[in-house]
């Protein structure tokens, strides 16, 4: 799955650059209608394609990175630990943690409580 997301991310970036160049040199039909024909490179159109391709590519690459980290965490959780740090299986001694209710035996609630 991460390979597909990485491919989609890089494909979005490359296609955004290519389409930006293509539509940047393409004739603008609105300019022909308004008789304001300019044969130069349309940088605003190209930048729009470049930015949209880069942003969508970054989103796909970020999702691939997140998914890789989640898969690594999952793999680490379900495999036995073979490193120098052993997994602690017994609970540490906490001391006397039981509370007796003898100290509050004769307690009465007041109106302000």
PDB file of N, CA and C in Angstrom:
ATOM      1  N   UNK A   1       0.813  -1.188   0.000  1.00  0.00           N
ATOM      2  CA  UNK A   1       0.000   0.000   0.000  1.00  0.00           C
ATOM      3  C   UNK A   1       0.865   1.263   0.000  1.00  0.00           C
ATOM      4  N   UNK A   2       1.960   1.215   0.766  1.00  0.00           N
ATOM      5  CA  UNK A   2       2.803   2.404   0.819  1.00  0.00           C
ATOM      6  C   UNK A   2       3.488   2.641  -0.526  1.00  0.00           C
ATOM      7  N   UNK A   3       3.796   1.564  -1.228  1.00  0.00           N
ATOM      8  CA  UNK A   3       4.403   1.720  -2.546  1.00  0.00           C
ATOM      9  C   UNK A   3       3.472   2.419  -3.523  1.00  0.00           C
ATOM     10  N   UNK A   4       2.195   2.068  -3.455  1.00  0.00           N
ATOM     11  CA  UNK A   4       1.204   2.708  -4.325  1.00  0.00           C
ATOM     12  C   UNK A   4       1.058   4.188  -3.987  1.00  0.00           C
ATOM     13  N   UNK A   5       1.027   4.517  -2.694  1.00  0.00           N
ATOM     14  CA  UNK A   5       0.905   5.915  -2.297  1.00  0.00           C
ATOM     15  C   UNK A   5       2.138   6.723  -2.698  1.00  0.00           C
ATOM     16  N   UNK A   6       3.322   6.118  -2.572  1.00  0.00           N
ATOM     17  CA  UNK A   6       4.542   6.809  -3.011  1.00  0.00           C
ATOM     18  C   UNK A   6       4.523   7.044  -4.520  1.00  0.00           C
ATOM     19  N   UNK A   7       4.077   6.025  -5.262  1.00  0.00           N
ATOM     20  CA  UNK A   7       3.988   6.172  -6.710  1.00  0.00           C
ATOM     21  C   UNK A   7       3.014   7.288  -7.086  1.00  0.00           C
ATOM     22  N   UNK A   8       1.852   7.316  -6.432  1.00  0.00           N
ATOM     23  CA  UNK A   8       0.869   8.357  -6.717  1.00  0.00           C
ATOM     24  C   UNK A   8       1.411   9.744  -6.358  1.00  0.00           C
ATOM     25  N   UNK A   9       2.172   9.834  -5.278  1.00  0.00           N
ATOM     26  CA  UNK A   9       2.750  11.118  -4.885  1.00  0.00           C
ATOM     27  C   UNK A   9       3.744  11.634  -5.909  1.00  0.00           C
ATOM     28  N   UNK A  10       4.682  10.772  -6.296  1.00  0.00           N
ATOM     29  CA  UNK A  10       5.675  11.213  -7.288  1.00  0.00           C
ATOM     30  C   UNK A  10       5.042  11.445  -8.654  1.00  0.00           C
ATOM     31  N   UNK A  11       4.030  10.635  -9.008  1.00  0.00           N
ATOM     32  CA  UNK A  11       3.339  10.833 -10.285  1.00  0.00           C
ATOM     33  C   UNK A  11       2.589  12.165 -10.293  1.00  0.00           C
ATOM     34  N   UNK A  12       1.999  12.544  -9.165  1.00  0.00           N
ATOM     35  CA  UNK A  12       1.303  13.832  -9.084  1.00  0.00           C
ATOM     36  C   UNK A  12       2.267  14.991  -9.259  1.00  0.00           C
ATOM     37  N   UNK A  13       3.432  14.875  -8.640  1.00  0.00           N
ATOM     38  CA  UNK A  13       4.424  15.949  -8.765  1.00  0.00           C
ATOM     39  C   UNK A  13       4.924  16.067 -10.201  1.00  0.00           C
ATOM     40  N   UNK A  14       5.274  14.941 -10.803  1.00  0.00           N
ATOM     41  CA  UNK A  14       5.795  14.963 -12.180  1.00  0.00           C
ATOM     42  C   UNK A  14       4.720  15.420 -13.158  1.00  0.00           C
ATOM     43  N   UNK A  15       3.501  14.913 -13.006  1.00  0.00           N
ATOM     44  CA  UNK A  15       2.418  15.325 -13.908  1.00  0.00           C
ATOM     45  C   UNK A  15       2.068  16.799 -13.718  1.00  0.00           C
ATOM     46  N   UNK A  16       2.138  17.284 -12.483  1.00  0.00           N
ATOM     47  CA  UNK A  16       1.884  18.702 -12.245  1.00  0.00           C
ATOM     48  C   UNK A  16       2.900  19.584 -12.952  1.00  0.00           C
ATOM     49  N   UNK A  17       4.166  19.182 -12.916  1.00  0.00           N
ATOM     50  CA  UNK A  17       5.206  19.952 -13.622  1.00  0.00           C
ATOM     51  C   UNK A  17       4.981  19.897 -15.130  1.00  0.00           C
ATOM     52  N   UNK A  18       4.710  18.695 -15.629  1.00  0.00           N
ATOM     53  CA  UNK A  18       4.496  18.544 -17.068  1.00  0.00           C
ATOM     54  C   UNK A  18       3.276  19.294 -17.569  1.00  0.00           C
ATOM     55  N   UNK A  19       2.183  19.178 -16.849  1.00  0.00           N
ATOM     56  CA  UNK A  19       0.965  19.872 -17.271  1.00  0.00           C
ATOM     57  C   UNK A  19       1.095  21.381 -17.121  1.00  0.00           C
ATOM     58  N   UNK A  20       1.873  21.826 -16.138  1.00  0.00           N
ATOM     59  CA  UNK A  20       2.121  23.259 -16.004  1.00  0.00           C
ATOM     60  C   UNK A  20       2.865  23.814 -17.204  1.00  0.00           C
ATOM     61  N   UNK A  21       3.851  23.077 -17.668  1.00  0.00           N
ATOM     62  CA  UNK A  21       4.579  23.515 -18.868  1.00  0.00           C
ATOM     63  C   UNK A  21       3.678  23.455 -20.094  1.00  0.00           C
ATOM     64  N   UNK A  22       2.895  22.365 -20.199  1.00  0.00           N
ATOM     65  CA  UNK A  22       2.025  22.203 -21.368  1.00  0.00           C
ATOM     66  C   UNK A  22       0.979  23.314 -21.452  1.00  0.00           C
ATOM     67  N   UNK A  23       0.269  23.558 -20.342  1.00  0.00           N
ATOM     68  CA  UNK A  23      -0.766  24.586 -20.371  1.00  0.00           C
ATOM     69  C   UNK A  23      -0.194  25.998 -20.306  1.00  0.00           C
ATOM     70  N   UNK A  24       1.060  26.129 -19.906  1.00  0.00           N
ATOM     71  CA  UNK A  24       1.700  27.438 -19.910  1.00  0.00           C
ATOM     72  C   UNK A  24       2.006  27.928 -21.314  1.00  0.00           C
ATOM     73  N   UNK A  25       2.292  27.018 -22.236  1.00  0.00           N
ATOM     74  CA  UNK A  25       2.587  27.413 -23.619  1.00  0.00           C
ATOM     75  C   UNK A  25       1.372  27.264 -24.527  1.00  0.00           C
ATOM     76  N   UNK A  26       0.285  26.695 -24.011  1.00  0.00           N
ATOM     77  CA  UNK A  26      -0.927  26.480 -24.802  1.00  0.00           C
ATOM     78  C   UNK A  26      -1.613  27.816 -25.098  1.00  0.00           C
ATOM     79  N   UNK A  27      -2.268  27.903 -26.256  1.00  0.00           N
ATOM     80  CA  UNK A  27      -3.029  29.106 -26.601  1.00  0.00           C
ATOM     81  C   UNK A  27      -4.229  29.239 -25.672  1.00  0.00           C
ATOM     82  N   UNK A  28      -4.464  30.451 -25.240  1.00  0.00           N
ATOM     83  CA  UNK A  28      -5.564  30.723 -24.324  1.00  0.00           C
ATOM     84  C   UNK A  28      -6.788  31.131 -25.129  1.00  0.00           C
ATOM     85  N   UNK A  29      -7.877  30.350 -25.098  1.00  0.00           N
ATOM     86  CA  UNK A  29      -9.058  30.697 -25.895  1.00  0.00           C
ATOM     87  C   UNK A  29      -9.723  31.994 -25.434  1.00  0.00           C
ATOM     88  N   UNK A  30      -9.669  32.292 -24.152  1.00  0.00           N
ATOM     89  CA  UNK A  30     -10.262  33.524 -23.663  1.00  0.00           C
ATOM     90  C   UNK A  30      -9.502  34.742 -24.183  1.00  0.00           C
ATOM     91  N   UNK A  31      -8.189  34.644 -24.277  1.00  0.00           N
ATOM     92  CA  UNK A  31      -7.393  35.755 -24.799  1.00  0.00           C
ATOM     93  C   UNK A  31      -7.690  35.980 -26.278  1.00  0.00           C
ATOM     94  N   UNK A  32      -7.965  34.921 -27.026  1.00  0.00           N
ATOM     95  CA  UNK A  32      -8.318  35.069 -28.436  1.00  0.00           C
ATOM     96  C   UNK A  32      -9.688  35.731 -28.586  1.00  0.00           C
ATOM     97  N   UNK A  33     -10.621  35.383 -27.715  1.00  0.00           N
ATOM     98  CA  UNK A  33     -11.948  35.983 -27.780  1.00  0.00           C
ATOM     99  C   UNK A  33     -11.874  37.475 -27.457  1.00  0.00           C
ATOM    100  N   UNK A  34     -11.085  37.826 -26.473  1.00  0.00           N
ATOM    101  CA  UNK A  34     -10.962  39.223 -26.071  1.00  0.00           C
ATOM    102  C   UNK A  34      -9.984  40.015 -26.952  1.00  0.00           C
ATOM    103  N   UNK A  35      -9.409  39.367 -27.938  1.00  0.00           N
ATOM    104  CA  UNK A  35      -8.436  39.954 -28.854  1.00  0.00           C
ATOM    105  C   UNK A  35      -7.236  40.542 -28.101  1.00  0.00           C
ATOM    106  N   UNK A  36      -6.876  39.849 -27.073  1.00  0.00           N
ATOM    107  CA  UNK A  36      -5.707  40.235 -26.295  1.00  0.00           C
ATOM    108  C   UNK A  36      -4.697  39.091 -26.373  1.00  0.00           C
ATOM    109  N   UNK A  37      -4.416  38.672 -27.590  1.00  0.00           N
ATOM    110  CA  UNK A  37      -3.587  37.487 -27.806  1.00  0.00           C
ATOM    111  C   UNK A  37      -2.133  37.794 -27.472  1.00  0.00           C
ATOM    112  N   UNK A  38      -1.574  36.950 -26.622  1.00  0.00           N
ATOM    113  CA  UNK A  38      -0.183  37.085 -26.220  1.00  0.00           C
ATOM    114  C   UNK A  38       0.470  35.723 -26.412  1.00  0.00           C
ATOM    115  N   UNK A  39       1.573  35.693 -27.142  1.00  0.00           N
ATOM    116  CA  UNK A  39       2.231  34.436 -27.481  1.00  0.00           C
ATOM    117  C   UNK A  39       3.277  34.027 -26.441  1.00  0.00           C
ATOM    118  N   UNK A  40       3.285  34.654 -25.293  1.00  0.00           N
ATOM    119  CA  UNK A  40       4.316  34.350 -24.307  1.00  0.00           C
ATOM    120  C   UNK A  40       3.874  33.214 -23.378  1.00  0.00           C
ATOM    121  N   UNK A  41       4.787  32.795 -22.536  1.00  0.00           N
ATOM    122  CA  UNK A  41       4.523  31.738 -21.565  1.00  0.00           C
ATOM    123  C   UNK A  41       3.640  32.280 -20.448  1.00  0.00           C
ATOM    124  N   UNK A  42       2.537  31.583 -20.167  1.00  0.00           N
ATOM    125  CA  UNK A  42       1.617  32.019 -19.123  1.00  0.00           C
ATOM    126  C   UNK A  42       2.058  31.429 -17.780  1.00  0.00           C
ATOM    127  N   UNK A  43       2.759  32.266 -17.026  1.00  0.00           N
ATOM    128  CA  UNK A  43       3.354  31.815 -15.778  1.00  0.00           C
ATOM    129  C   UNK A  43       2.300  31.542 -14.705  1.00  0.00           C
ATOM    130  N   UNK A  44       1.223  32.302 -14.695  1.00  0.00           N
ATOM    131  CA  UNK A  44       0.184  32.092 -13.677  1.00  0.00           C
ATOM    132  C   UNK A  44      -0.473  30.723 -13.836  1.00  0.00           C
ATOM    133  N   UNK A  45      -0.746  30.335 -15.063  1.00  0.00           N
ATOM    134  CA  UNK A  45      -1.332  29.017 -15.317  1.00  0.00           C
ATOM    135  C   UNK A  45      -0.356  27.916 -14.943  1.00  0.00           C
ATOM    136  N   UNK A  46       0.905  28.104 -15.305  1.00  0.00           N
ATOM    137  CA  UNK A  46       1.913  27.092 -15.006  1.00  0.00           C
ATOM    138  C   UNK A  46       2.116  26.944 -13.501  1.00  0.00           C
ATOM    139  N   UNK A  47       2.187  28.062 -12.791  1.00  0.00           N
ATOM    140  CA  UNK A  47       2.387  27.992 -11.341  1.00  0.00           C
ATOM    141  C   UNK A  47       1.205  27.329 -10.660  1.00  0.00           C
ATOM    142  N   UNK A  48       0.008  27.567 -11.169  1.00  0.00           N
ATOM    143  CA  UNK A  48      -1.174  26.920 -10.602  1.00  0.00           C
ATOM    144  C   UNK A  48      -1.070  25.406 -10.711  1.00  0.00           C
ATOM    145  N   UNK A  49      -0.668  24.919 -11.870  1.00  0.00           N
ATOM    146  CA  UNK A  49      -0.500  23.476 -12.054  1.00  0.00           C
ATOM    147  C   UNK A  49       0.655  22.945 -11.211  1.00  0.00           C
ATOM    148  N   UNK A  50       1.754  23.694 -11.133  1.00  0.00           N
ATOM    149  CA  UNK A  50       2.910  23.243 -10.364  1.00  0.00           C
ATOM    150  C   UNK A  50       2.580  23.128  -8.884  1.00  0.00           C
ATOM    151  N   UNK A  51       1.899  24.139  -8.349  1.00  0.00           N
ATOM    152  CA  UNK A  51       1.569  24.135  -6.923  1.00  0.00           C
ATOM    153  C   UNK A  51       0.566  23.031  -6.605  1.00  0.00           C
ATOM    154  N   UNK A  52      -0.449  22.881  -7.449  1.00  0.00           N
ATOM    155  CA  UNK A  52      -1.444  21.844  -7.175  1.00  0.00           C
ATOM    156  C   UNK A  52      -0.841  20.445  -7.292  1.00  0.00           C
ATOM    157  N   UNK A  53       0.036  20.239  -8.253  1.00  0.00           N
ATOM    158  CA  UNK A  53       0.708  18.942  -8.368  1.00  0.00           C
ATOM    159  C   UNK A  53       1.625  18.670  -7.197  1.00  0.00           C
ATOM    160  N   UNK A  54       2.359  19.695  -6.754  1.00  0.00           N
ATOM    161  CA  UNK A  54       3.268  19.522  -5.622  1.00  0.00           C
ATOM    162  C   UNK A  54       2.493  19.254  -4.333  1.00  0.00           C
ATOM    163  N   UNK A  55       1.413  19.986  -4.108  1.00  0.00           N
ATOM    164  CA  UNK A  55       0.642  19.782  -2.881  1.00  0.00           C
ATOM    165  C   UNK A  55      -0.014  18.404  -2.839  1.00  0.00           C
ATOM    166  N   UNK A  56      -0.600  17.982  -3.928  1.00  0.00           N
ATOM    167  CA  UNK A  56      -1.214  16.654  -3.924  1.00  0.00           C
ATOM    168  C   UNK A  56      -0.157  15.564  -3.791  1.00  0.00           C
ATOM    169  N   UNK A  57       1.001  15.757  -4.402  1.00  0.00           N
ATOM    170  CA  UNK A  57       2.087  14.795  -4.248  1.00  0.00           C
ATOM    171  C   UNK A  57       2.593  14.724  -2.825  1.00  0.00           C
ATOM    172  N   UNK A  58       2.715  15.870  -2.168  1.00  0.00           N
ATOM    173  CA  UNK A  58       3.166  15.896  -0.775  1.00  0.00           C
ATOM    174  C   UNK A  58       2.165  15.200   0.131  1.00  0.00           C
ATOM    175  N   UNK A  59       0.881  15.372  -0.133  1.00  0.00           N
ATOM    176  CA  UNK A  59      -0.141  14.696   0.677  1.00  0.00           C
ATOM    177  C   UNK A  59      -0.022  13.188   0.530  1.00  0.00           C
ATOM    178  N   UNK A  60       0.130  12.700  -0.687  1.00  0.00           N
ATOM    179  CA  UNK A  60       0.277  11.260  -0.896  1.00  0.00           C
ATOM    180  C   UNK A  60       1.559  10.729  -0.254  1.00  0.00           C
ATOM    181  N   UNK A  61       2.668  11.457  -0.381  1.00  0.00           N
ATOM    182  CA  UNK A  61       3.919  11.016   0.220  1.00  0.00           C
ATOM    183  C   UNK A  61       3.833  11.036   1.748  1.00  0.00           C
ATOM    184  N   UNK A  62       3.147  12.014   2.315  1.00  0.00           N
ATOM    185  CA  UNK A  62       2.982  12.064   3.769  1.00  0.00           C
ATOM    186  C   UNK A  62       2.129  10.898   4.261  1.00  0.00           C
ATOM    187  N   UNK A  63       1.071  10.577   3.535  1.00  0.00           N
ATOM    188  CA  UNK A  63       0.250   9.427   3.915  1.00  0.00           C
ATOM    189  C   UNK A  63       1.049   8.125   3.841  1.00  0.00           C
ATOM    190  N   UNK A  64       1.909   7.999   2.833  1.00  0.00           N
ATOM    191  CA  UNK A  64       2.755   6.815   2.723  1.00  0.00           C
ATOM    192  C   UNK A  64       3.714   6.729   3.903  1.00  0.00           C
ATOM    193  N   UNK A  65       4.281   7.872   4.302  1.00  0.00           N
ATOM    194  CA  UNK A  65       5.208   7.884   5.437  1.00  0.00           C
ATOM    195  C   UNK A  65       4.493   7.521   6.736  1.00  0.00           C
ATOM    196  N   UNK A  66       3.299   8.052   6.944  1.00  0.00           N
ATOM    197  CA  UNK A  66       2.520   7.731   8.138  1.00  0.00           C
ATOM    198  C   UNK A  66       2.184   6.247   8.167  1.00  0.00           C
ATOM    199  N   UNK A  67       1.769   5.714   7.033  1.00  0.00           N
ATOM    200  CA  UNK A  67       1.412   4.299   6.965  1.00  0.00           C
ATOM    201  C   UNK A  67       2.621   3.408   7.206  1.00  0.00           C
ATOM    202  N   UNK A  68       3.800   3.798   6.714  1.00  0.00           N
ATOM    203  CA  UNK A  68       5.019   3.044   6.984  1.00  0.00           C
ATOM    204  C   UNK A  68       5.318   3.004   8.474  1.00  0.00           C
ATOM    205  N   UNK A  69       5.166   4.146   9.149  1.00  0.00           N
ATOM    206  CA  UNK A  69       5.423   4.186  10.589  1.00  0.00           C
ATOM    207  C   UNK A  69       4.428   3.325  11.350  1.00  0.00           C
ATOM    208  N   UNK A  70       3.176   3.355  10.960  1.00  0.00           N
ATOM    209  CA  UNK A  70       2.161   2.536  11.633  1.00  0.00           C
ATOM    210  C   UNK A  70       2.460   1.057  11.430  1.00  0.00           C
ATOM    211  N   UNK A  71       2.851   0.668  10.227  1.00  0.00           N
ATOM    212  CA  UNK A  71       3.189  -0.730   9.967  1.00  0.00           C
ATOM    213  C   UNK A  71       4.420  -1.160  10.760  1.00  0.00           C
ATOM    214  N   UNK A  72       5.402  -0.272  10.906  1.00  0.00           N
ATOM    215  CA  UNK A  72       6.596  -0.603  11.691  1.00  0.00           C
ATOM    216  C   UNK A  72       6.250  -0.769  13.163  1.00  0.00           C
ATOM    217  N   UNK A  73       5.381   0.092  13.679  1.00  0.00           N
ATOM    218  CA  UNK A  73       4.960  -0.037  15.075  1.00  0.00           C
ATOM    219  C   UNK A  73       4.191  -1.328  15.286  1.00  0.00           C
ATOM    220  N   UNK A  74       3.323  -1.649  14.347  1.00  0.00           N
ATOM    221  CA  UNK A  74       2.542  -2.887  14.457  1.00  0.00           C
ATOM    222  C   UNK A  74       3.451  -4.106  14.404  1.00  0.00           C
ATOM    223  N   UNK A  75       4.436  -4.097  13.516  1.00  0.00           N
ATOM    224  CA  UNK A  75       5.358  -5.218  13.416  1.00  0.00           C
ATOM    225  C   UNK A  75       6.194  -5.355  14.688  1.00  0.00           C
ATOM    226  N   UNK A  76       6.565  -4.245  15.280  1.00  0.00           N
ATOM    227  CA  UNK A  76       7.356  -4.282  16.503  1.00  0.00           C
ATOM    228  C   UNK A  76       6.528  -4.769  17.686  1.00  0.00           C
ATOM    229  N   UNK A  77       5.247  -4.477  17.692  1.00  0.00           N
ATOM    230  CA  UNK A  77       4.394  -4.906  18.794  1.00  0.00           C
ATOM    231  C   UNK A  77       4.161  -6.410  18.782  1.00  0.00           C
ATOM    232  N   UNK A  78       4.063  -7.017  17.622  1.00  0.00           N
ATOM    233  CA  UNK A  78       3.689  -8.422  17.533  1.00  0.00           C
ATOM    234  C   UNK A  78       4.859  -9.358  17.302  1.00  0.00           C
ATOM    235  N   UNK A  79       6.084  -8.874  17.381  1.00  0.00           N
ATOM    236  CA  UNK A  79       7.245  -9.750  17.298  1.00  0.00           C
ATOM    237  C   UNK A  79       7.917  -9.780  18.655  1.00  0.00           C
ATOM    238  N   UNK A  80       8.517 -10.911  19.031  1.00  0.00           N
ATOM    239  CA  UNK A  80       9.174 -10.975  20.340  1.00  0.00           C
ATOM    240  C   UNK A  80      10.404 -10.074  20.384  1.00  0.00           C
ATOM    241  N   UNK A  81      10.670  -9.531  21.547  1.00  0.00           N
ATOM    242  CA  UNK A  81      11.808  -8.645  21.735  1.00  0.00           C
ATOM    243  C   UNK A  81      13.072  -9.502  21.830  1.00  0.00           C
ATOM    244  N   UNK A  82      14.045  -9.249  20.964  1.00  0.00           N
ATOM    245  CA  UNK A  82      15.298  -9.997  20.996  1.00  0.00           C
ATOM    246  C   UNK A  82      16.480  -9.116  21.353  1.00  0.00           C
ATOM    247  N   UNK A  83      16.229  -7.880  21.689  1.00  0.00           N
ATOM    248  CA  UNK A  83      17.304  -6.955  22.018  1.00  0.00           C
ATOM    249  C   UNK A  83      17.822  -7.168  23.420  1.00  0.00           C
ATOM    250  N   UNK A  84      18.664  -6.260  23.883  1.00  0.00           N
ATOM    251  CA  UNK A  84      19.269  -6.388  25.207  1.00  0.00           C
ATOM    252  C   UNK A  84      18.285  -6.031  26.319  1.00  0.00           C
ATOM    253  N   UNK A  85      17.263  -5.312  25.996  1.00  0.00           N
ATOM    254  CA  UNK A  85      16.270  -4.957  27.001  1.00  0.00           C
ATOM    255  C   UNK A  85      15.191  -6.027  26.996  1.00  0.00           C
ATOM    256  N   UNK A  86      15.060  -6.734  28.093  1.00  0.00           N
ATOM    257  CA  UNK A  86      14.069  -7.806  28.174  1.00  0.00           C
ATOM    258  C   UNK A  86      12.730  -7.219  28.581  1.00  0.00           C
ATOM    259  N   UNK A  87      11.683  -7.813  28.105  1.00  0.00           N
ATOM    260  CA  UNK A  87      10.345  -7.367  28.457  1.00  0.00           C
ATOM    261  C   UNK A  87      10.048  -7.781  29.895  1.00  0.00           C
ATOM    262  N   UNK A  88       9.564  -6.872  30.686  1.00  0.00           N
ATOM    263  CA  UNK A  88       9.290  -7.125  32.083  1.00  0.00           C
ATOM    264  C   UNK A  88       7.932  -7.797  32.194  1.00  0.00           C
ATOM    265  N   UNK A  89       7.914  -9.030  32.735  1.00  0.00           N
ATOM    266  CA  UNK A  89       6.664  -9.776  32.813  1.00  0.00           C
ATOM    267  C   UNK A  89       6.048  -9.734  34.195  1.00  0.00           C
ATOM    268  N   UNK A  90       6.846  -9.492  35.244  1.00  0.00           N
ATOM    269  CA  UNK A  90       6.273  -9.447  36.582  1.00  0.00           C
ATOM    270  C   UNK A  90       6.033  -8.008  36.997  1.00  0.00           C
ATOM    271  N   UNK A  91       5.047  -7.826  37.806  1.00  0.00           N
ATOM    272  CA  UNK A  91       4.688  -6.476  38.236  1.00  0.00           C
ATOM    273  C   UNK A  91       5.626  -6.027  39.345  1.00  0.00           C
ATOM    274  N   UNK A  92       5.993  -4.776  39.359  1.00  0.00           N
ATOM    275  CA  UNK A  92       6.849  -4.287  40.445  1.00  0.00           C
ATOM    276  C   UNK A  92       6.065  -4.215  41.755  1.00  0.00           C
ATOM    277  N   UNK A  93       6.780  -4.351  42.837  1.00  0.00           N
ATOM    278  CA  UNK A  93       6.137  -4.314  44.144  1.00  0.00           C
ATOM    279  C   UNK A  93       5.776  -2.872  44.477  1.00  0.00           C
ATOM    280  N   UNK A  94       4.527  -2.660  44.831  1.00  0.00           N
ATOM    281  CA  UNK A  94       4.066  -1.298  45.082  1.00  0.00           C
ATOM    282  C   UNK A  94       3.959  -0.971  46.555  1.00  0.00           C
ATOM    283  N   UNK A  95       4.161  -1.921  47.418  1.00  0.00           N
ATOM    284  CA  UNK A  95       4.037  -1.645  48.841  1.00  0.00           C
ATOM    285  C   UNK A  95       2.613  -1.828  49.311  1.00  0.00           C
ATOM    286  N   UNK A  96       2.318  -1.230  50.449  1.00  0.00           N
ATOM    287  CA  UNK A  96       0.981  -1.377  51.015  1.00  0.00           C
ATOM    288  C   UNK A  96       0.071  -0.336  50.366  1.00  0.00           C
ATOM    289  N   UNK A  97      -0.795  -0.785  49.515  1.00  0.00           N
ATOM    290  CA  UNK A  97      -1.646   0.145  48.794  1.00  0.00           C
ATOM    291  C   UNK A  97      -3.120  -0.004  49.168  1.00  0.00           C
ATOM    292  N   UNK A  98      -3.437  -0.893  50.072  1.00  0.00           N
ATOM    293  CA  UNK A  98      -4.838  -1.055  50.464  1.00  0.00           C
ATOM    294  C   UNK A  98      -5.207  -0.007  51.493  1.00  0.00           C
ATOM    295  N   UNK A  99      -6.376   0.535  51.348  1.00  0.00           N
ATOM    296  CA  UNK A  99      -6.859   1.567  52.247  1.00  0.00           C
ATOM    297  C   UNK A  99      -7.971   0.976  53.098  1.00  0.00           C
ATOM    298  N   UNK A 100      -7.913   1.262  54.367  1.00  0.00           N
ATOM    299  CA  UNK A 100      -8.999   0.824  55.242  1.00  0.00           C
ATOM    300  C   UNK A 100      -9.946   1.991  55.469  1.00  0.00           C
ATOM    301  N   UNK A 101     -11.174   1.676  55.691  1.00  0.00           N
ATOM    302  CA  UNK A 101     -12.185   2.707  55.908  1.00  0.00           C
ATOM    303  C   UNK A 101     -12.349   3.067  57.377  1.00  0.00           C
ATOM    304  N   UNK A 102     -11.460   2.569  58.212  1.00  0.00           N
ATOM    305  CA  UNK A 102     -11.544   2.863  59.639  1.00  0.00           C
ATOM    306  C   UNK A 102     -11.336   4.328  59.951  1.00  0.00           C
ATOM    307  N   UNK A 103     -10.553   5.022  59.152  1.00  0.00           N
ATOM    308  CA  UNK A 103     -10.280   6.430  59.429  1.00  0.00           C
ATOM    309  C   UNK A 103     -11.471   7.328  59.128  1.00  0.00           C
ATOM    310  N   UNK A 104     -12.414   6.887  58.341  1.00  0.00           N
ATOM    311  CA  UNK A 104     -13.584   7.699  58.004  1.00  0.00           C
ATOM    312  C   UNK A 104     -14.865   7.087  58.564  1.00  0.00           C
ATOM    313  N   UNK A 105     -14.728   6.259  59.572  1.00  0.00           N
ATOM    314  CA  UNK A 105     -15.875   5.523  60.119  1.00  0.00           C
ATOM    315  C   UNK A 105     -16.920   6.457  60.721  1.00  0.00           C
ATOM    316  N   UNK A 106     -16.515   7.429  61.487  1.00  0.00           N
ATOM    317  CA  UNK A 106     -17.457   8.321  62.177  1.00  0.00           C
ATOM    318  C   UNK A 106     -17.613   9.666  61.477  1.00  0.00           C
ATOM    319  N   UNK A 107     -17.298   9.755  60.218  1.00  0.00           N
ATOM    320  CA  UNK A 107     -17.382  11.026  59.505  1.00  0.00           C
ATOM    321  C   UNK A 107     -18.831  11.354  59.177  1.00  0.00           C
ATOM    322  N   UNK A 108     -19.200  12.602  59.427  1.00  0.00           N
ATOM    323  CA  UNK A 108     -20.554  13.078  59.121  1.00  0.00           C
ATOM    324  C   UNK A 108     -20.471  14.232  58.139  1.00  0.00           C
ATOM    325  N   UNK A 109     -21.335  14.239  57.163  1.00  0.00           N
ATOM    326  CA  UNK A 109     -21.384  15.318  56.178  1.00  0.00           C
ATOM    327  C   UNK A 109     -22.063  16.519  56.802  1.00  0.00           C
ATOM    328  N   UNK A 110     -21.523  17.697  56.536  1.00  0.00           N
ATOM    329  CA  UNK A 110     -22.140  18.928  57.010  1.00  0.00           C
ATOM    330  C   UNK A 110     -22.874  19.611  55.871  1.00  0.00           C
ATOM    331  N   UNK A 111     -23.606  20.648  56.161  1.00  0.00           N
ATOM    332  CA  UNK A 111     -24.368  21.364  55.127  1.00  0.00           C
ATOM    333  C   UNK A 111     -23.444  22.051  54.131  1.00  0.00           C
ATOM    334  N   UNK A 112     -22.263  22.475  54.526  1.00  0.00           N
ATOM    335  CA  UNK A 112     -21.333  23.177  53.630  1.00  0.00           C
ATOM    336  C   UNK A 112     -20.547  22.226  52.747  1.00  0.00           C
ATOM    337  N   UNK A 113     -20.550  20.946  53.049  1.00  0.00           N
ATOM    338  CA  UNK A 113     -19.787  19.981  52.239  1.00  0.00           C
ATOM    339  C   UNK A 113     -20.558  19.699  51.039  1.00  0.00           C
TER     340      UNK A 113
END
